[in-house]
Amino acid sequence: AFVLAAIVCLVGFVFSISDFSIFKKGQTYQVMFEFANGLKKGAPLRVA
């Protein structure tokens, strides 16, 4: 029970400090470029 509780706490902690978007609502957009200049999956999106 102690090990199970520790694992649950660890998973909860990891999800709370990460920006995990499964539980957040949002929308997607497709942006087309001819040249991506080193952009990577998971990179931030900023508005203004």
ModelCIF file with pLDDT and N, C-alpha, C, O atoms, coordinates in Angstrom:
data_MODEL
#
_entry.id   MODEL 
#
_entity.id                         1 
_entity.type                       polymer 
_entity.pdbx_number_of_molecules   1 
#
_entity_poly.entity_id                      1 
_entity_poly.type                           'polypeptide(L)' 
_entity_poly.nstd_linkage                   no 
_entity_poly.nstd_monomer                   no 
_entity_poly.pdbx_seq_one_letter_code       AFVLAAIVCLVGFVFSISDFSIFKKGQTYQVMFEFANGLKKGAPLRVA 
_entity_poly.pdbx_seq_one_letter_code_can   AFVLAAIVCLVGFVFSISDFSIFKKGQTYQVMFEFANGLKKGAPLRVA 
_entity_poly.pdbx_strand_id                 A 
#
loop_
_entity_poly_seq.entity_id 
_entity_poly_seq.num 
_entity_poly_seq.mon_id 
_entity_poly_seq.hetero 
1 1  ALA n 
1 2  PHE n 
1 3  VAL n 
1 4  LEU n 
1 5  ALA n 
1 6  ALA n 
1 7  ILE n 
1 8  VAL n 
1 9  CYS n 
1 10 LEU n 
1 11 VAL n 
1 12 GLY n 
1 13 PHE n 
1 14 VAL n 
1 15 PHE n 
1 16 SER n 
1 17 ILE n 
1 18 SER n 
1 19 ASP n 
1 20 PHE n 
1 21 SER n 
1 22 ILE n 
1 23 PHE n 
1 24 LYS n 
1 25 LYS n 
1 26 GLY n 
1 27 GLN n 
1 28 THR n 
1 29 TYR n 
1 30 GLN n 
1 31 VAL n 
1 32 MET n 
1 33 PHE n 
1 34 GLU n 
1 35 PHE n 
1 36 ALA n 
1 37 ASN n 
1 38 GLY n 
1 39 LEU n 
1 40 LYS n 
1 41 LYS n 
1 42 GLY n 
1 43 ALA n 
1 44 PRO n 
1 45 LEU n 
1 46 ARG n 
1 47 VAL n 
1 48 ALA n 
#
_struct_asym.id          A 
_struct_asym.entity_id   1 
#
loop_
_ma_qa_metric.id 
_ma_qa_metric.mode 
_ma_qa_metric.name 
_ma_qa_metric.software_group_id 
_ma_qa_metric.type 
1 global pLDDT . pLDDT 
2 local  pLDDT . pLDDT 
#
_ma_qa_metric_global.metric_id      1 
_ma_qa_metric_global.metric_value   82.83 
_ma_qa_metric_global.model_id       1 
_ma_qa_metric_global.ordinal_id     1 
#
loop_
_ma_qa_metric_local.label_asym_id 
_ma_qa_metric_local.label_comp_id 
_ma_qa_metric_local.label_seq_id 
_ma_qa_metric_local.metric_id 
_ma_qa_metric_local.metric_value 
_ma_qa_metric_local.model_id 
_ma_qa_metric_local.ordinal_id 
A ALA 1  2 88.00 1 1  
A PHE 2  2 90.00 1 2  
A VAL 3  2 92.00 1 3  
A LEU 4  2 92.00 1 4  
A ALA 5  2 93.00 1 5  
A ALA 6  2 92.00 1 6  
A ILE 7  2 92.00 1 7  
A VAL 8  2 92.00 1 8  
A CYS 9  2 89.00 1 9  
A LEU 10 2 89.00 1 10 
A VAL 11 2 85.00 1 11 
A GLY 12 2 79.00 1 12 
A PHE 13 2 79.00 1 13 
A VAL 14 2 78.00 1 14 
A PHE 15 2 70.00 1 15 
A SER 16 2 68.00 1 16 
A ILE 17 2 70.00 1 17 
A SER 18 2 63.00 1 18 
A ASP 19 2 57.00 1 19 
A PHE 20 2 57.00 1 20 
A SER 21 2 52.00 1 21 
A ILE 22 2 60.00 1 22 
A PHE 23 2 64.00 1 23 
A LYS 24 2 72.00 1 24 
A LYS 25 2 82.00 1 25 
A GLY 26 2 84.00 1 26 
A GLN 27 2 87.00 1 27 
A THR 28 2 89.00 1 28 
A TYR 29 2 91.00 1 29 
A GLN 30 2 91.00 1 30 
A VAL 31 2 91.00 1 31 
A MET 32 2 91.00 1 32 
A PHE 33 2 88.00 1 33 
A GLU 34 2 87.00 1 34 
A PHE 35 2 84.00 1 35 
A ALA 36 2 84.00 1 36 
A ASN 37 2 80.00 1 37 
A GLY 38 2 84.00 1 38 
A LEU 39 2 88.00 1 39 
A LYS 40 2 90.00 1 40 
A LYS 41 2 91.00 1 41 
A GLY 42 2 89.00 1 42 
A ALA 43 2 89.00 1 43 
A PRO 44 2 91.00 1 44 
A LEU 45 2 91.00 1 45 
A ARG 46 2 91.00 1 46 
A VAL 47 2 91.00 1 47 
A ALA 48 2 89.00 1 48 
#
loop_
_atom_site.group_PDB 
_atom_site.id 
_atom_site.type_symbol 
_atom_site.label_atom_id 
_atom_site.label_alt_id 
_atom_site.label_comp_id 
_atom_site.label_asym_id 
_atom_site.label_entity_id 
_atom_site.label_seq_id 
_atom_site.pdbx_PDB_ins_code 
_atom_site.Cartn_x 
_atom_site.Cartn_y 
_atom_site.Cartn_z 
_atom_site.occupancy 
_atom_site.B_iso_or_equiv 
_atom_site.pdbx_formal_charge 
_atom_site.auth_seq_id 
_atom_site.auth_comp_id 
_atom_site.auth_asym_id 
_atom_site.auth_atom_id 
_atom_site.pdbx_PDB_model_num 
ATOM 1   N N  . ALA A 1 1  ? 0.834  -1.208 0.000   1.00 88.00 ? 1  ALA A N  1 
ATOM 2   C CA . ALA A 1 1  ? 0.000  0.000  0.000   1.00 88.00 ? 1  ALA A CA 1 
ATOM 3   C C  . ALA A 1 1  ? 0.864  1.252  0.000   1.00 88.00 ? 1  ALA A C  1 
ATOM 4   O O  . ALA A 1 1  ? 0.544  2.230  -0.675  1.00 88.00 ? 1  ALA A O  1 
ATOM 5   N N  . PHE A 1 2  ? 1.959  1.225  0.755   1.00 90.00 ? 2  PHE A N  1 
ATOM 6   C CA . PHE A 1 2  ? 2.868  2.367  0.802   1.00 90.00 ? 2  PHE A CA 1 
ATOM 7   C C  . PHE A 1 2  ? 3.517  2.600  -0.568  1.00 90.00 ? 2  PHE A C  1 
ATOM 8   O O  . PHE A 1 2  ? 3.592  3.739  -1.028  1.00 90.00 ? 2  PHE A O  1 
ATOM 9   N N  . VAL A 1 3  ? 3.984  1.533  -1.220  1.00 92.00 ? 3  VAL A N  1 
ATOM 10  C CA . VAL A 1 3  ? 4.605  1.654  -2.545  1.00 92.00 ? 3  VAL A CA 1 
ATOM 11  C C  . VAL A 1 3  ? 3.593  2.156  -3.562  1.00 92.00 ? 3  VAL A C  1 
ATOM 12  O O  . VAL A 1 3  ? 3.922  3.018  -4.376  1.00 92.00 ? 3  VAL A O  1 
ATOM 13  N N  . LEU A 1 4  ? 2.366  1.638  -3.535  1.00 92.00 ? 4  LEU A N  1 
ATOM 14  C CA . LEU A 1 4  ? 1.317  2.084  -4.442  1.00 92.00 ? 4  LEU A CA 1 
ATOM 15  C C  . LEU A 1 4  ? 0.994  3.566  -4.227  1.00 92.00 ? 4  LEU A C  1 
ATOM 16  O O  . LEU A 1 4  ? 0.842  4.314  -5.193  1.00 92.00 ? 4  LEU A O  1 
ATOM 17  N N  . ALA A 1 5  ? 0.889  3.988  -2.972  1.00 93.00 ? 5  ALA A N  1 
ATOM 18  C CA . ALA A 1 5  ? 0.613  5.398  -2.668  1.00 93.00 ? 5  ALA A CA 1 
ATOM 19  C C  . ALA A 1 5  ? 1.764  6.278  -3.146  1.00 93.00 ? 5  ALA A C  1 
ATOM 20  O O  . ALA A 1 5  ? 1.531  7.374  -3.656  1.00 93.00 ? 5  ALA A O  1 
ATOM 21  N N  . ALA A 1 6  ? 3.001  5.813  -2.987  1.00 92.00 ? 6  ALA A N  1 
ATOM 22  C CA . ALA A 1 6  ? 4.160  6.585  -3.437  1.00 92.00 ? 6  ALA A CA 1 
ATOM 23  C C  . ALA A 1 6  ? 4.152  6.746  -4.952  1.00 92.00 ? 6  ALA A C  1 
ATOM 24  O O  . ALA A 1 6  ? 4.459  7.821  -5.467  1.00 92.00 ? 6  ALA A O  1 
ATOM 25  N N  . ILE A 1 7  ? 3.798  5.676  -5.666  1.00 92.00 ? 7  ILE A N  1 
ATOM 26  C CA . ILE A 1 7  ? 3.745  5.753  -7.129  1.00 92.00 ? 7  ILE A CA 1 
ATOM 27  C C  . ILE A 1 7  ? 2.650  6.710  -7.585  1.00 92.00 ? 7  ILE A C  1 
ATOM 28  O O  . ILE A 1 7  ? 2.862  7.498  -8.507  1.00 92.00 ? 7  ILE A O  1 
ATOM 29  N N  . VAL A 1 8  ? 1.488  6.650  -6.951  1.00 92.00 ? 8  VAL A N  1 
ATOM 30  C CA . VAL A 1 8  ? 0.388  7.552  -7.292  1.00 92.00 ? 8  VAL A CA 1 
ATOM 31  C C  . VAL A 1 8  ? 0.795  9.004  -7.033  1.00 92.00 ? 8  VAL A C  1 
ATOM 32  O O  . VAL A 1 8  ? 0.514  9.879  -7.851  1.00 92.00 ? 8  VAL A O  1 
ATOM 33  N N  . CYS A 1 9  ? 1.451  9.262  -5.909  1.00 89.00 ? 9  CYS A N  1 
ATOM 34  C CA . CYS A 1 9  ? 1.919  10.618 -5.591  1.00 89.00 ? 9  CYS A CA 1 
ATOM 35  C C  . CYS A 1 9  ? 2.951  11.093 -6.605  1.00 89.00 ? 9  CYS A C  1 
ATOM 36  O O  . CYS A 1 9  ? 2.915  12.249 -7.027  1.00 89.00 ? 9  CYS A O  1 
ATOM 37  N N  . LEU A 1 10 ? 3.862  10.224 -6.998  1.00 89.00 ? 10 LEU A N  1 
ATOM 38  C CA . LEU A 1 10 ? 4.893  10.582 -7.966  1.00 89.00 ? 10 LEU A CA 1 
ATOM 39  C C  . LEU A 1 10 ? 4.277  10.924 -9.314  1.00 89.00 ? 10 LEU A C  1 
ATOM 40  O O  . LEU A 1 10 ? 4.647  11.925 -9.928  1.00 89.00 ? 10 LEU A O  1 
ATOM 41  N N  . VAL A 1 11 ? 3.346  10.105 -9.780  1.00 85.00 ? 11 VAL A N  1 
ATOM 42  C CA . VAL A 1 11 ? 2.677  10.371 -11.053 1.00 85.00 ? 11 VAL A CA 1 
ATOM 43  C C  . VAL A 1 11 ? 1.900  11.685 -10.971 1.00 85.00 ? 11 VAL A C  1 
ATOM 44  O O  . VAL A 1 11 ? 1.956  12.489 -11.901 1.00 85.00 ? 11 VAL A O  1 
ATOM 45  N N  . GLY A 1 12 ? 1.188  11.912 -9.889  1.00 79.00 ? 12 GLY A N  1 
ATOM 46  C CA . GLY A 1 12 ? 0.460  13.166 -9.707  1.00 79.00 ? 12 GLY A CA 1 
ATOM 47  C C  . GLY A 1 12 ? 1.391  14.365 -9.695  1.00 79.00 ? 12 GLY A C  1 
ATOM 48  O O  . GLY A 1 12 ? 1.069  15.400 -10.277 1.00 79.00 ? 12 GLY A O  1 
ATOM 49  N N  . PHE A 1 13 ? 2.525  14.244 -9.051  1.00 79.00 ? 13 PHE A N  1 
ATOM 50  C CA . PHE A 1 13 ? 3.498  15.332 -9.003  1.00 79.00 ? 13 PHE A CA 1 
ATOM 51  C C  . PHE A 1 13 ? 4.047  15.636 -10.392 1.00 79.00 ? 13 PHE A C  1 
ATOM 52  O O  . PHE A 1 13 ? 4.162  16.800 -10.775 1.00 79.00 ? 13 PHE A O  1 
ATOM 53  N N  . VAL A 1 14 ? 4.387  14.589 -11.150 1.00 78.00 ? 14 VAL A N  1 
ATOM 54  C CA . VAL A 1 14 ? 4.929  14.784 -12.499 1.00 78.00 ? 14 VAL A CA 1 
ATOM 55  C C  . VAL A 1 14 ? 3.909  15.500 -13.379 1.00 78.00 ? 14 VAL A C  1 
ATOM 56  O O  . VAL A 1 14 ? 4.267  16.430 -14.101 1.00 78.00 ? 14 VAL A O  1 
ATOM 57  N N  . PHE A 1 15 ? 2.634  15.079 -13.329 1.00 70.00 ? 15 PHE A N  1 
ATOM 58  C CA . PHE A 1 15 ? 1.611  15.738 -14.135 1.00 70.00 ? 15 PHE A CA 1 
ATOM 59  C C  . PHE A 1 15 ? 1.345  17.167 -13.674 1.00 70.00 ? 15 PHE A C  1 
ATOM 60  O O  . PHE A 1 15 ? 1.000  18.020 -14.492 1.00 70.00 ? 15 PHE A O  1 
ATOM 61  N N  . SER A 1 16 ? 1.497  17.442 -12.400 1.00 68.00 ? 16 SER A N  1 
ATOM 62  C CA . SER A 1 16 ? 1.227  18.802 -11.909 1.00 68.00 ? 16 SER A CA 1 
ATOM 63  C C  . SER A 1 16 ? 2.318  19.781 -12.306 1.00 68.00 ? 16 SER A C  1 
ATOM 64  O O  . SER A 1 16 ? 2.026  20.960 -12.507 1.00 68.00 ? 16 SER A O  1 
ATOM 65  N N  . ILE A 1 17 ? 3.569  19.340 -12.426 1.00 70.00 ? 17 ILE A N  1 
ATOM 66  C CA . ILE A 1 17 ? 4.640  20.281 -12.807 1.00 70.00 ? 17 ILE A CA 1 
ATOM 67  C C  . ILE A 1 17 ? 4.846  20.349 -14.306 1.00 70.00 ? 17 ILE A C  1 
ATOM 68  O O  . ILE A 1 17 ? 5.487  21.280 -14.795 1.00 70.00 ? 17 ILE A O  1 
ATOM 69  N N  . SER A 1 18 ? 4.313  19.377 -15.057 1.00 63.00 ? 18 SER A N  1 
ATOM 70  C CA . SER A 1 18 ? 4.452  19.423 -16.509 1.00 63.00 ? 18 SER A CA 1 
ATOM 71  C C  . SER A 1 18 ? 3.247  20.124 -17.106 1.00 63.00 ? 18 SER A C  1 
ATOM 72  O O  . SER A 1 18 ? 2.221  20.306 -16.450 1.00 63.00 ? 18 SER A O  1 
ATOM 73  N N  . ASP A 1 19 ? 3.392  20.512 -18.356 1.00 57.00 ? 19 ASP A N  1 
ATOM 74  C CA . ASP A 1 19 ? 2.289  21.168 -19.054 1.00 57.00 ? 19 ASP A CA 1 
ATOM 75  C C  . ASP A 1 19 ? 1.558  20.113 -19.872 1.00 57.00 ? 19 ASP A C  1 
ATOM 76  O O  . ASP A 1 19 ? 1.595  20.132 -21.102 1.00 57.00 ? 19 ASP A O  1 
ATOM 77  N N  . PHE A 1 20 ? 0.903  19.202 -19.188 1.00 57.00 ? 20 PHE A N  1 
ATOM 78  C CA . PHE A 1 20 ? 0.248  18.068 -19.822 1.00 57.00 ? 20 PHE A CA 1 
ATOM 79  C C  . PHE A 1 20 ? -1.115 18.513 -20.328 1.00 57.00 ? 20 PHE A C  1 
ATOM 80  O O  . PHE A 1 20 ? -1.940 18.986 -19.547 1.00 57.00 ? 20 PHE A O  1 
ATOM 81  N N  . SER A 1 21 ? -1.362 18.366 -21.633 1.00 52.00 ? 21 SER A N  1 
ATOM 82  C CA . SER A 1 21 ? -2.554 18.964 -22.229 1.00 52.00 ? 21 SER A CA 1 
ATOM 83  C C  . SER A 1 21 ? -3.719 18.005 -22.448 1.00 52.00 ? 21 SER A C  1 
ATOM 84  O O  . SER A 1 21 ? -4.714 18.416 -23.045 1.00 52.00 ? 21 SER A O  1 
ATOM 85  N N  . ILE A 1 22 ? -3.655 16.774 -22.008 1.00 60.00 ? 22 ILE A N  1 
ATOM 86  C CA . ILE A 1 22 ? -4.772 15.859 -22.205 1.00 60.00 ? 22 ILE A CA 1 
ATOM 87  C C  . ILE A 1 22 ? -6.009 16.345 -21.445 1.00 60.00 ? 22 ILE A C  1 
ATOM 88  O O  . ILE A 1 22 ? -7.133 16.206 -21.927 1.00 60.00 ? 22 ILE A O  1 
ATOM 89  N N  . PHE A 1 23 ? -5.802 16.905 -20.278 1.00 64.00 ? 23 PHE A N  1 
ATOM 90  C CA . PHE A 1 23 ? -6.925 17.329 -19.449 1.00 64.00 ? 23 PHE A CA 1 
ATOM 91  C C  . PHE A 1 23 ? -7.334 18.779 -19.714 1.00 64.00 ? 23 PHE A C  1 
ATOM 92  O O  . PHE A 1 23 ? -8.345 19.239 -19.184 1.00 64.00 ? 23 PHE A O  1 
ATOM 93  N N  . LYS A 1 24 ? -6.570 19.495 -20.519 1.00 72.00 ? 24 LYS A N  1 
ATOM 94  C CA . LYS A 1 24 ? -6.889 20.890 -20.835 1.00 72.00 ? 24 LYS A CA 1 
ATOM 95  C C  . LYS A 1 24 ? -7.648 20.957 -22.148 1.00 72.00 ? 24 LYS A C  1 
ATOM 96  O O  . LYS A 1 24 ? -7.422 20.157 -23.055 1.00 72.00 ? 24 LYS A O  1 
ATOM 97  N N  . LYS A 1 25 ? -8.545 21.915 -22.236 1.00 82.00 ? 25 LYS A N  1 
ATOM 98  C CA . LYS A 1 25 ? -9.289 22.123 -23.467 1.00 82.00 ? 25 LYS A CA 1 
ATOM 99  C C  . LYS A 1 25 ? -8.523 23.104 -24.346 1.00 82.00 ? 25 LYS A C  1 
ATOM 100 O O  . LYS A 1 25 ? -7.848 24.011 -23.861 1.00 82.00 ? 25 LYS A O  1 
ATOM 101 N N  . GLY A 1 26 ? -8.646 22.897 -25.638 1.00 84.00 ? 26 GLY A N  1 
ATOM 102 C CA . GLY A 1 26 ? -7.974 23.776 -26.580 1.00 84.00 ? 26 GLY A CA 1 
ATOM 103 C C  . GLY A 1 26 ? -8.351 23.423 -28.004 1.00 84.00 ? 26 GLY A C  1 
ATOM 104 O O  . GLY A 1 26 ? -9.206 22.572 -28.248 1.00 84.00 ? 26 GLY A O  1 
ATOM 105 N N  . GLN A 1 27 ? -7.694 24.097 -28.943 1.00 87.00 ? 27 GLN A N  1 
ATOM 106 C CA . GLN A 1 27 ? -7.957 23.851 -30.345 1.00 87.00 ? 27 GLN A CA 1 
ATOM 107 C C  . GLN A 1 27 ? -6.628 23.725 -31.092 1.00 87.00 ? 27 GLN A C  1 
ATOM 108 O O  . GLN A 1 27 ? -5.588 24.175 -30.613 1.00 87.00 ? 27 GLN A O  1 
ATOM 109 N N  . THR A 1 28 ? -6.683 23.103 -32.276 1.00 89.00 ? 28 THR A N  1 
ATOM 110 C CA . THR A 1 28 ? -5.479 22.943 -33.081 1.00 89.00 ? 28 THR A CA 1 
ATOM 111 C C  . THR A 1 28 ? -5.590 23.765 -34.353 1.00 89.00 ? 28 THR A C  1 
ATOM 112 O O  . THR A 1 28 ? -6.685 24.045 -34.843 1.00 89.00 ? 28 THR A O  1 
ATOM 113 N N  . TYR A 1 29 ? -4.442 24.141 -34.870 1.00 91.00 ? 29 TYR A N  1 
ATOM 114 C CA . TYR A 1 29 ? -4.322 24.866 -36.133 1.00 91.00 ? 29 TYR A CA 1 
ATOM 115 C C  . TYR A 1 29 ? -3.208 24.217 -36.940 1.00 91.00 ? 29 TYR A C  1 
ATOM 116 O O  . TYR A 1 29 ? -2.243 23.705 -36.375 1.00 91.00 ? 29 TYR A O  1 
ATOM 117 N N  . GLN A 1 30 ? -3.340 24.240 -38.242 1.00 91.00 ? 30 GLN A N  1 
ATOM 118 C CA . GLN A 1 30 ? -2.291 23.773 -39.137 1.00 91.00 ? 30 GLN A CA 1 
ATOM 119 C C  . GLN A 1 30 ? -1.606 25.022 -39.697 1.00 91.00 ? 30 GLN A C  1 
ATOM 120 O O  . GLN A 1 30 ? -2.258 25.891 -40.275 1.00 91.00 ? 30 GLN A O  1 
ATOM 121 N N  . VAL A 1 31 ? -0.292 25.100 -39.521 1.00 91.00 ? 31 VAL A N  1 
ATOM 122 C CA . VAL A 1 31 ? 0.471  26.232 -40.039 1.00 91.00 ? 31 VAL A CA 1 
ATOM 123 C C  . VAL A 1 31 ? 1.443  25.686 -41.072 1.00 91.00 ? 31 VAL A C  1 
ATOM 124 O O  . VAL A 1 31 ? 2.195  24.753 -40.790 1.00 91.00 ? 31 VAL A O  1 
ATOM 125 N N  . MET A 1 32 ? 1.430  26.272 -42.279 1.00 91.00 ? 32 MET A N  1 
ATOM 126 C CA . MET A 1 32 ? 2.275  25.790 -43.360 1.00 91.00 ? 32 MET A CA 1 
ATOM 127 C C  . MET A 1 32 ? 3.446  26.749 -43.589 1.00 91.00 ? 32 MET A C  1 
ATOM 128 O O  . MET A 1 32 ? 3.277  27.966 -43.664 1.00 91.00 ? 32 MET A O  1 
ATOM 129 N N  . PHE A 1 33 ? 4.627  26.159 -43.695 1.00 88.00 ? 33 PHE A N  1 
ATOM 130 C CA . PHE A 1 33 ? 5.845  26.894 -43.993 1.00 88.00 ? 33 PHE A CA 1 
ATOM 131 C C  . PHE A 1 33 ? 6.550  26.213 -45.159 1.00 88.00 ? 33 PHE A C  1 
ATOM 132 O O  . PHE A 1 33 ? 6.302  25.040 -45.436 1.00 88.00 ? 33 PHE A O  1 
ATOM 133 N N  . GLU A 1 34 ? 7.428  26.944 -45.843 1.00 87.00 ? 34 GLU A N  1 
ATOM 134 C CA . GLU A 1 34 ? 8.303  26.324 -46.835 1.00 87.00 ? 34 GLU A CA 1 
ATOM 135 C C  . GLU A 1 34 ? 9.616  25.914 -46.181 1.00 87.00 ? 34 GLU A C  1 
ATOM 136 O O  . GLU A 1 34 ? 10.314 25.032 -46.682 1.00 87.00 ? 34 GLU A O  1 
ATOM 137 N N  . PHE A 1 35 ? 9.954  26.553 -45.063 1.00 84.00 ? 35 PHE A N  1 
ATOM 138 C CA . PHE A 1 35 ? 11.213 26.310 -44.358 1.00 84.00 ? 35 PHE A CA 1 
ATOM 139 C C  . PHE A 1 35 ? 10.949 26.430 -42.863 1.00 84.00 ? 35 PHE A C  1 
ATOM 140 O O  . PHE A 1 35 ? 10.475 27.469 -42.403 1.00 84.00 ? 35 PHE A O  1 
ATOM 141 N N  . ALA A 1 36 ? 11.252 25.372 -42.087 1.00 84.00 ? 36 ALA A N  1 
ATOM 142 C CA . ALA A 1 36 ? 10.902 25.356 -40.667 1.00 84.00 ? 36 ALA A CA 1 
ATOM 143 C C  . ALA A 1 36 ? 12.043 25.803 -39.753 1.00 84.00 ? 36 ALA A C  1 
ATOM 144 O O  . ALA A 1 36 ? 11.804 26.035 -38.568 1.00 84.00 ? 36 ALA A O  1 
ATOM 145 N N  . ASN A 1 37 ? 13.255 25.931 -40.249 1.00 80.00 ? 37 ASN A N  1 
ATOM 146 C CA . ASN A 1 37 ? 14.384 26.508 -39.514 1.00 80.00 ? 37 ASN A CA 1 
ATOM 147 C C  . ASN A 1 37 ? 14.631 25.897 -38.131 1.00 80.00 ? 37 ASN A C  1 
ATOM 148 O O  . ASN A 1 37 ? 14.822 26.636 -37.166 1.00 80.00 ? 37 ASN A O  1 
ATOM 149 N N  . GLY A 1 38 ? 14.631 24.581 -38.017 1.00 84.00 ? 38 GLY A N  1 
ATOM 150 C CA . GLY A 1 38 ? 14.980 23.933 -36.751 1.00 84.00 ? 38 GLY A CA 1 
ATOM 151 C C  . GLY A 1 38 ? 13.871 23.810 -35.738 1.00 84.00 ? 38 GLY A C  1 
ATOM 152 O O  . GLY A 1 38 ? 14.134 23.487 -34.579 1.00 84.00 ? 38 GLY A O  1 
ATOM 153 N N  . LEU A 1 39 ? 12.641 24.057 -36.134 1.00 88.00 ? 39 LEU A N  1 
ATOM 154 C CA . LEU A 1 39 ? 11.493 23.917 -35.245 1.00 88.00 ? 39 LEU A CA 1 
ATOM 155 C C  . LEU A 1 39 ? 11.317 22.444 -34.882 1.00 88.00 ? 39 LEU A C  1 
ATOM 156 O O  . LEU A 1 39 ? 11.488 21.575 -35.738 1.00 88.00 ? 39 LEU A O  1 
ATOM 157 N N  . LYS A 1 40 ? 10.978 22.151 -33.626 1.00 90.00 ? 40 LYS A N  1 
ATOM 158 C CA . LYS A 1 40 ? 10.847 20.765 -33.166 1.00 90.00 ? 40 LYS A CA 1 
ATOM 159 C C  . LYS A 1 40 ? 9.465  20.506 -32.575 1.00 90.00 ? 40 LYS A C  1 
ATOM 160 O O  . LYS A 1 40 ? 8.790  21.412 -32.086 1.00 90.00 ? 40 LYS A O  1 
ATOM 161 N N  . LYS A 1 41 ? 9.070  19.232 -32.637 1.00 91.00 ? 41 LYS A N  1 
ATOM 162 C CA . LYS A 1 41 ? 7.813  18.809 -32.006 1.00 91.00 ? 41 LYS A CA 1 
ATOM 163 C C  . LYS A 1 41 ? 7.907  19.101 -30.507 1.00 91.00 ? 41 LYS A C  1 
ATOM 164 O O  . LYS A 1 41 ? 8.940  18.846 -29.887 1.00 91.00 ? 41 LYS A O  1 
ATOM 165 N N  . GLY A 1 42 ? 6.840  19.630 -29.931 1.00 89.00 ? 42 GLY A N  1 
ATOM 166 C CA . GLY A 1 42 ? 6.821  19.959 -28.514 1.00 89.00 ? 42 GLY A CA 1 
ATOM 167 C C  . GLY A 1 42 ? 7.293  21.372 -28.212 1.00 89.00 ? 42 GLY A C  1 
ATOM 168 O O  . GLY A 1 42 ? 7.250  21.800 -27.059 1.00 89.00 ? 42 GLY A O  1 
ATOM 169 N N  . ALA A 1 43 ? 7.744  22.104 -29.225 1.00 89.00 ? 43 ALA A N  1 
ATOM 170 C CA . ALA A 1 43 ? 8.206  23.480 -29.014 1.00 89.00 ? 43 ALA A CA 1 
ATOM 171 C C  . ALA A 1 43 ? 7.043  24.353 -28.555 1.00 89.00 ? 43 ALA A C  1 
ATOM 172 O O  . ALA A 1 43 ? 5.888  24.053 -28.855 1.00 89.00 ? 43 ALA A O  1 
ATOM 173 N N  . PRO A 1 44 ? 7.336  25.423 -27.836 1.00 91.00 ? 44 PRO A N  1 
ATOM 174 C CA . PRO A 1 44 ? 6.264  26.292 -27.337 1.00 91.00 ? 44 PRO A CA 1 
ATOM 175 C C  . PRO A 1 44 ? 5.533  27.046 -28.449 1.00 91.00 ? 44 PRO A C  1 
ATOM 176 O O  . PRO A 1 44 ? 6.081  27.286 -29.525 1.00 91.00 ? 44 PRO A O  1 
ATOM 177 N N  . LEU A 1 45 ? 4.299  27.407 -28.165 1.00 91.00 ? 45 LEU A N  1 
ATOM 178 C CA . LEU A 1 45 ? 3.496  28.290 -29.003 1.00 91.00 ? 45 LEU A CA 1 
ATOM 179 C C  . LEU A 1 45 ? 3.204  29.517 -28.156 1.00 91.00 ? 45 LEU A C  1 
ATOM 180 O O  . LEU A 1 45 ? 2.729  29.406 -27.025 1.00 91.00 ? 45 LEU A O  1 
ATOM 181 N N  . ARG A 1 46 ? 3.490  30.685 -28.711 1.00 91.00 ? 46 ARG A N  1 
ATOM 182 C CA . ARG A 1 46 ? 3.254  31.934 -27.972 1.00 91.00 ? 46 ARG A CA 1 
ATOM 183 C C  . ARG A 1 46 ? 2.364  32.851 -28.792 1.00 91.00 ? 46 ARG A C  1 
ATOM 184 O O  . ARG A 1 46 ? 2.491  32.936 -30.014 1.00 91.00 ? 46 ARG A O  1 
ATOM 185 N N  . VAL A 1 47 ? 1.471  33.526 -28.109 1.00 91.00 ? 47 VAL A N  1 
ATOM 186 C CA . VAL A 1 47 ? 0.615  34.535 -28.734 1.00 91.00 ? 47 VAL A CA 1 
ATOM 187 C C  . VAL A 1 47 ? 1.006  35.870 -28.126 1.00 91.00 ? 47 VAL A C  1 
ATOM 188 O O  . VAL A 1 47 ? 0.820  36.096 -26.931 1.00 91.00 ? 47 VAL A O  1 
ATOM 189 N N  . ALA A 1 48 ? 1.550  36.758 -28.960 1.00 89.00 ? 48 ALA A N  1 
ATOM 190 C CA . ALA A 1 48 ? 2.030  38.069 -28.515 1.00 89.00 ? 48 ALA A CA 1 
ATOM 191 C C  . ALA A 1 48 ? 3.025  37.929 -27.354 1.00 89.00 ? 48 ALA A C  1 
ATOM 192 O O  . ALA A 1 48 ? 3.533  38.931 -26.851 1.00 89.00 ? 48 ALA A O  1 
#
